[in-house]
Amino acid sequence: PAAAMVCAPTRYLVFFQYFGTRYSGVMETKTDQALVGVQNYLEEAAQKLRPSVPIKFHISSRTDTGVHALANAAHLDIQRAPGKGAFTGQQLVQGLNYHLRPEPIRILSAQRVPSTFHARFSALSRTYLYRLLLGCSHHSQIPVFEQDLC
């Protein structure tokens, strides 16, 4: 019998954001911990897209426990079953976001990139924004747009 045709995986660059309050940071952790990483949820959502091989997110920049991210980047390779075409960027965004509900994690965009692209090592720059709440002696003084961020 003829061997089944194996399709090469498609590499995607995704940008995502999250409220980090309930996570141990962005990186994957063991699932038996009190807090797990954002990566755990990203990979769990990706497995629900029914890839041929497990999906691993390669994240460009780390965050610590409780830290939020307006935009972080990662790359992932998706190999689909023979006869199944590659996802478009929009299909990937919609599929991942559907499976991420109700977590406060959102995929902002996704696009195909060459197989040589690496989210961490191909980055041309990184920008960090630090926001510190200072000078509030009582929680009632916290501006409404800053509430529930800690």
C-alpha atoms as a PDB file:
ATOM      1  CA  PRO A   1       0.000   0.000   0.000  1.00  0.00           C
ATOM      2  CA  ALA A   2       1.072   3.558  -0.667  1.00  0.00           C
ATOM      3  CA  ALA A   3       2.330   5.503   2.324  1.00  0.00           C
ATOM      4  CA  ALA A   4       0.039   8.257   3.566  1.00  0.00           C
ATOM      5  CA  MET A   5       1.172  11.661   2.418  1.00  0.00           C
ATOM      6  CA  VAL A   6       2.477  13.719   5.325  1.00  0.00           C
ATOM      7  CA  CYS A   7       2.002  17.470   5.075  1.00  0.00           C
ATOM      8  CA  ALA A   8       4.695  19.761   6.423  1.00  0.00           C
ATOM      9  CA  PRO A   9       3.696  21.806   9.460  1.00  0.00           C
ATOM     10  CA  THR A  10       2.751  25.449   9.011  1.00  0.00           C
ATOM     11  CA  ARG A  11       4.466  27.969  11.294  1.00  0.00           C
ATOM     12  CA  TYR A  12       2.458  30.890  12.649  1.00  0.00           C
ATOM     13  CA  LEU A  13       3.367  34.043  14.535  1.00  0.00           C
ATOM     14  CA  VAL A  14       0.653  34.940  17.029  1.00  0.00           C
ATOM     15  CA  PHE A  15       0.241  38.011  19.198  1.00  0.00           C
ATOM     16  CA  PHE A  16      -1.723  37.572  22.400  1.00  0.00           C
ATOM     17  CA  GLN A  17      -2.647  39.445  25.577  1.00  0.00           C
ATOM     18  CA  TYR A  18      -3.760  38.471  29.062  1.00  0.00           C
ATOM     19  CA  PHE A  19      -4.563  39.627  32.561  1.00  0.00           C
ATOM     20  CA  GLY A  20      -1.865  37.850  34.558  1.00  0.00           C
ATOM     21  CA  THR A  21      -3.484  37.977  38.000  1.00  0.00           C
ATOM     22  CA  ARG A  22      -4.449  34.295  38.083  1.00  0.00           C
ATOM     23  CA  TYR A  23      -1.360  32.894  36.327  1.00  0.00           C
ATOM     24  CA  SER A  24       2.158  31.955  37.433  1.00  0.00           C
ATOM     25  CA  GLY A  25       3.523  33.942  34.504  1.00  0.00           C
ATOM     26  CA  VAL A  26       3.458  33.261  30.797  1.00  0.00           C
ATOM     27  CA  MET A  27       5.658  30.153  30.705  1.00  0.00           C
ATOM     28  CA  GLU A  28       4.290  26.623  30.971  1.00  0.00           C
ATOM     29  CA  THR A  29       4.266  25.061  34.434  1.00  0.00           C
ATOM     30  CA  LYS A  30       3.320  21.701  35.881  1.00  0.00           C
ATOM     31  CA  THR A  31      -0.454  21.491  36.093  1.00  0.00           C
ATOM     32  CA  ASP A  32      -0.457  20.368  39.739  1.00  0.00           C
ATOM     33  CA  GLN A  33       0.543  23.835  40.957  1.00  0.00           C
ATOM     34  CA  ALA A  34      -1.903  26.322  42.470  1.00  0.00           C
ATOM     35  CA  LEU A  35      -1.252  28.731  39.569  1.00  0.00           C
ATOM     36  CA  VAL A  36      -0.285  27.585  36.090  1.00  0.00           C
ATOM     37  CA  GLY A  37       1.197  29.498  33.180  1.00  0.00           C
ATOM     38  CA  VAL A  38      -0.606  31.215  30.325  1.00  0.00           C
ATOM     39  CA  GLN A  39       1.242  28.837  27.976  1.00  0.00           C
ATOM     40  CA  ASN A  40      -0.618  25.894  29.558  1.00  0.00           C
ATOM     41  CA  TYR A  41      -3.934  27.419  28.448  1.00  0.00           C
ATOM     42  CA  LEU A  42      -2.638  28.374  24.988  1.00  0.00           C
ATOM     43  CA  GLU A  43      -1.440  24.841  24.311  1.00  0.00           C
ATOM     44  CA  GLU A  44      -4.608  23.283  25.722  1.00  0.00           C
ATOM     45  CA  ALA A  45      -6.688  25.455  23.357  1.00  0.00           C
ATOM     46  CA  ALA A  46      -4.419  24.556  20.420  1.00  0.00           C
ATOM     47  CA  GLN A  47      -4.847  20.809  21.034  1.00  0.00           C
ATOM     48  CA  LYS A  48      -8.609  21.267  20.611  1.00  0.00           C
ATOM     49  CA  LEU A  49      -7.948  22.298  16.984  1.00  0.00           C
ATOM     50  CA  ARG A  50      -7.124  18.602  16.406  1.00  0.00           C
ATOM     51  CA  PRO A  51      -3.569  18.820  15.059  1.00  0.00           C
ATOM     52  CA  SER A  52      -1.738  15.685  13.865  1.00  0.00           C
ATOM     53  CA  VAL A  53       1.044  16.273  16.389  1.00  0.00           C
ATOM     54  CA  PRO A  54       0.975  18.143  19.730  1.00  0.00           C
ATOM     55  CA  ILE A  55       1.463  21.912  19.487  1.00  0.00           C
ATOM     56  CA  LYS A  56       4.111  23.776  21.470  1.00  0.00           C
ATOM     57  CA  PHE A  57       4.080  27.579  21.811  1.00  0.00           C
ATOM     58  CA  HIS A  58       7.523  29.229  21.666  1.00  0.00           C
ATOM     59  CA  ILE A  59       7.064  32.515  23.504  1.00  0.00           C
ATOM     60  CA  SER A  60       9.191  35.578  22.787  1.00  0.00           C
ATOM     61  CA  SER A  61       9.292  37.174  26.226  1.00  0.00           C
ATOM     62  CA  ARG A  62       8.563  36.019  29.773  1.00  0.00           C
ATOM     63  CA  THR A  63       6.394  37.602  32.424  1.00  0.00           C
ATOM     64  CA  ASP A  64       6.269  36.834  36.135  1.00  0.00           C
ATOM     65  CA  THR A  65       3.390  35.799  38.365  1.00  0.00           C
ATOM     66  CA  GLY A  66       0.560  38.324  38.296  1.00  0.00           C
ATOM     67  CA  VAL A  67       2.010  40.417  35.458  1.00  0.00           C
ATOM     68  CA  HIS A  68      -0.314  41.437  32.612  1.00  0.00           C
ATOM     69  CA  ALA A  69       0.643  41.649  28.934  1.00  0.00           C
ATOM     70  CA  LEU A  70      -0.897  44.028  26.406  1.00  0.00           C
ATOM     71  CA  ALA A  71       0.842  42.145  23.594  1.00  0.00           C
ATOM     72  CA  ASN A  72       3.242  39.220  23.657  1.00  0.00           C
ATOM     73  CA  ALA A  73       4.358  37.100  20.716  1.00  0.00           C
ATOM     74  CA  ALA A  74       4.862  33.400  20.125  1.00  0.00           C
ATOM     75  CA  HIS A  75       5.333  31.036  17.241  1.00  0.00           C
ATOM     76  CA  LEU A  76       3.810  27.594  16.851  1.00  0.00           C
ATOM     77  CA  ASP A  77       3.831  24.861  14.249  1.00  0.00           C
ATOM     78  CA  ILE A  78       0.569  23.197  13.261  1.00  0.00           C
ATOM     79  CA  GLN A  79       0.547  19.965  11.320  1.00  0.00           C
ATOM     80  CA  ARG A  80      -2.912  18.966  10.179  1.00  0.00           C
ATOM     81  CA  ALA A  81      -4.185  15.624   8.971  1.00  0.00           C
ATOM     82  CA  PRO A  82      -3.589  14.714   5.313  1.00  0.00           C
ATOM     83  CA  GLY A  83      -6.117  16.465   3.106  1.00  0.00           C
ATOM     84  CA  LYS A  84      -6.681  19.271   5.605  1.00  0.00           C
ATOM     85  CA  GLY A  85      -5.361  22.635   4.458  1.00  0.00           C
ATOM     86  CA  ALA A  86      -3.471  25.061   6.654  1.00  0.00           C
ATOM     87  CA  PHE A  87      -5.497  27.443   8.787  1.00  0.00           C
ATOM     88  CA  THR A  88      -5.714  31.050   7.668  1.00  0.00           C
ATOM     89  CA  GLY A  89      -4.556  33.549  10.269  1.00  0.00           C
ATOM     90  CA  GLN A  90      -8.152  34.550  10.976  1.00  0.00           C
ATOM     91  CA  GLN A  91      -9.287  30.927  11.369  1.00  0.00           C
ATOM     92  CA  LEU A  92      -6.503  30.332  13.875  1.00  0.00           C
ATOM     93  CA  VAL A  93      -7.401  33.470  15.869  1.00  0.00           C
ATOM     94  CA  GLN A  94     -11.076  32.510  15.993  1.00  0.00           C
ATOM     95  CA  GLY A  95     -10.405  28.870  16.857  1.00  0.00           C
ATOM     96  CA  LEU A  96      -7.943  29.597  19.647  1.00  0.00           C
ATOM     97  CA  ASN A  97     -10.092  32.362  21.144  1.00  0.00           C
ATOM     98  CA  TYR A  98     -13.126  30.068  21.107  1.00  0.00           C
ATOM     99  CA  HIS A  99     -11.248  27.433  23.114  1.00  0.00           C
ATOM    100  CA  LEU A 100      -9.641  29.981  25.469  1.00  0.00           C
ATOM    101  CA  ARG A 101     -13.019  31.114  26.823  1.00  0.00           C
ATOM    102  CA  PRO A 102     -13.597  32.082  29.642  1.00  0.00           C
ATOM    103  CA  GLU A 103      -9.903  32.717  30.470  1.00  0.00           C
ATOM    104  CA  PRO A 104      -8.743  36.365  30.303  1.00  0.00           C
ATOM    105  CA  ILE A 105      -6.386  35.456  27.441  1.00  0.00           C
ATOM    106  CA  ARG A 106      -6.963  36.641  23.872  1.00  0.00           C
ATOM    107  CA  ILE A 107      -5.228  35.985  20.585  1.00  0.00           C
ATOM    108  CA  LEU A 108      -4.931  39.359  18.833  1.00  0.00           C
ATOM    109  CA  SER A 109      -3.603  38.224  15.456  1.00  0.00           C
ATOM    110  CA  ALA A 110      -1.960  35.330  13.650  1.00  0.00           C
ATOM    111  CA  GLN A 111      -0.025  35.089  10.408  1.00  0.00           C
ATOM    112  CA  ARG A 112       2.007  32.484   8.591  1.00  0.00           C
ATOM    113  CA  VAL A 113       5.767  32.882   8.793  1.00  0.00           C
ATOM    114  CA  PRO A 114       8.702  30.952   7.294  1.00  0.00           C
ATOM    115  CA  SER A 115       9.807  27.805   9.136  1.00  0.00           C
ATOM    116  CA  THR A 116      13.072  29.593   9.996  1.00  0.00           C
ATOM    117  CA  PHE A 117      11.257  32.292  12.012  1.00  0.00           C
ATOM    118  CA  HIS A 118      11.656  32.143  15.814  1.00  0.00           C
ATOM    119  CA  ALA A 119       9.537  34.370  18.073  1.00  0.00           C
ATOM    120  CA  ARG A 120      12.350  34.959  20.551  1.00  0.00           C
ATOM    121  CA  PHE A 121      15.410  35.106  18.321  1.00  0.00           C
ATOM    122  CA  SER A 122      13.884  36.806  15.262  1.00  0.00           C
ATOM    123  CA  ALA A 123      12.450  39.727  17.257  1.00  0.00           C
ATOM    124  CA  LEU A 124      13.931  43.062  16.208  1.00  0.00           C
ATOM    125  CA  SER A 125      12.949  44.863  19.410  1.00  0.00           C
ATOM    126  CA  ARG A 126      10.915  44.608  22.591  1.00  0.00           C
ATOM    127  CA  THR A 127       9.094  47.352  24.455  1.00  0.00           C
ATOM    128  CA  TYR A 128       8.100  47.102  28.092  1.00  0.00           C
ATOM    129  CA  LEU A 129       5.600  49.335  29.858  1.00  0.00           C
ATOM    130  CA  TYR A 130       5.654  49.347  33.651  1.00  0.00           C
ATOM    131  CA  ARG A 131       2.659  50.776  35.493  1.00  0.00           C
ATOM    132  CA  LEU A 132       2.888  51.255  39.230  1.00  0.00           C
ATOM    133  CA  LEU A 133       0.094  52.487  41.445  1.00  0.00           C
ATOM    134  CA  LEU A 134       1.557  54.909  43.984  1.00  0.00           C
ATOM    135  CA  GLY A 135       0.196  57.274  46.586  1.00  0.00           C
ATOM    136  CA  CYS A 136      -3.116  55.617  47.429  1.00  0.00           C
ATOM    137  CA  SER A 137      -3.551  55.268  51.167  1.00  0.00           C
ATOM    138  CA  HIS A 138      -6.944  53.566  50.788  1.00  0.00           C
ATOM    139  CA  HIS A 139      -8.387  51.277  48.100  1.00  0.00           C
ATOM    140  CA  SER A 140     -11.228  53.752  47.486  1.00  0.00           C
ATOM    141  CA  GLN A 141      -8.661  56.167  46.012  1.00  0.00           C
ATOM    142  CA  ILE A 142      -7.695  53.825  43.180  1.00  0.00           C
ATOM    143  CA  PRO A 143      -8.844  55.258  39.820  1.00  0.00           C
ATOM    144  CA  VAL A 144     -11.633  53.193  38.254  1.00  0.00           C
ATOM    145  CA  PHE A 145      -9.455  52.281  35.252  1.00  0.00           C
ATOM    146  CA  GLU A 146      -6.823  50.818  37.568  1.00  0.00           C
ATOM    147  CA  GLN A 147      -9.167  48.704  39.705  1.00  0.00           C
ATOM    148  CA  ASP A 148      -8.995  44.921  39.532  1.00  0.00           C
ATOM    149  CA  LEU A 149      -5.593  44.965  37.847  1.00  0.00           C
ATOM    150  CA  CYS A 150      -3.793  43.512  40.861  1.00  0.00           C
END
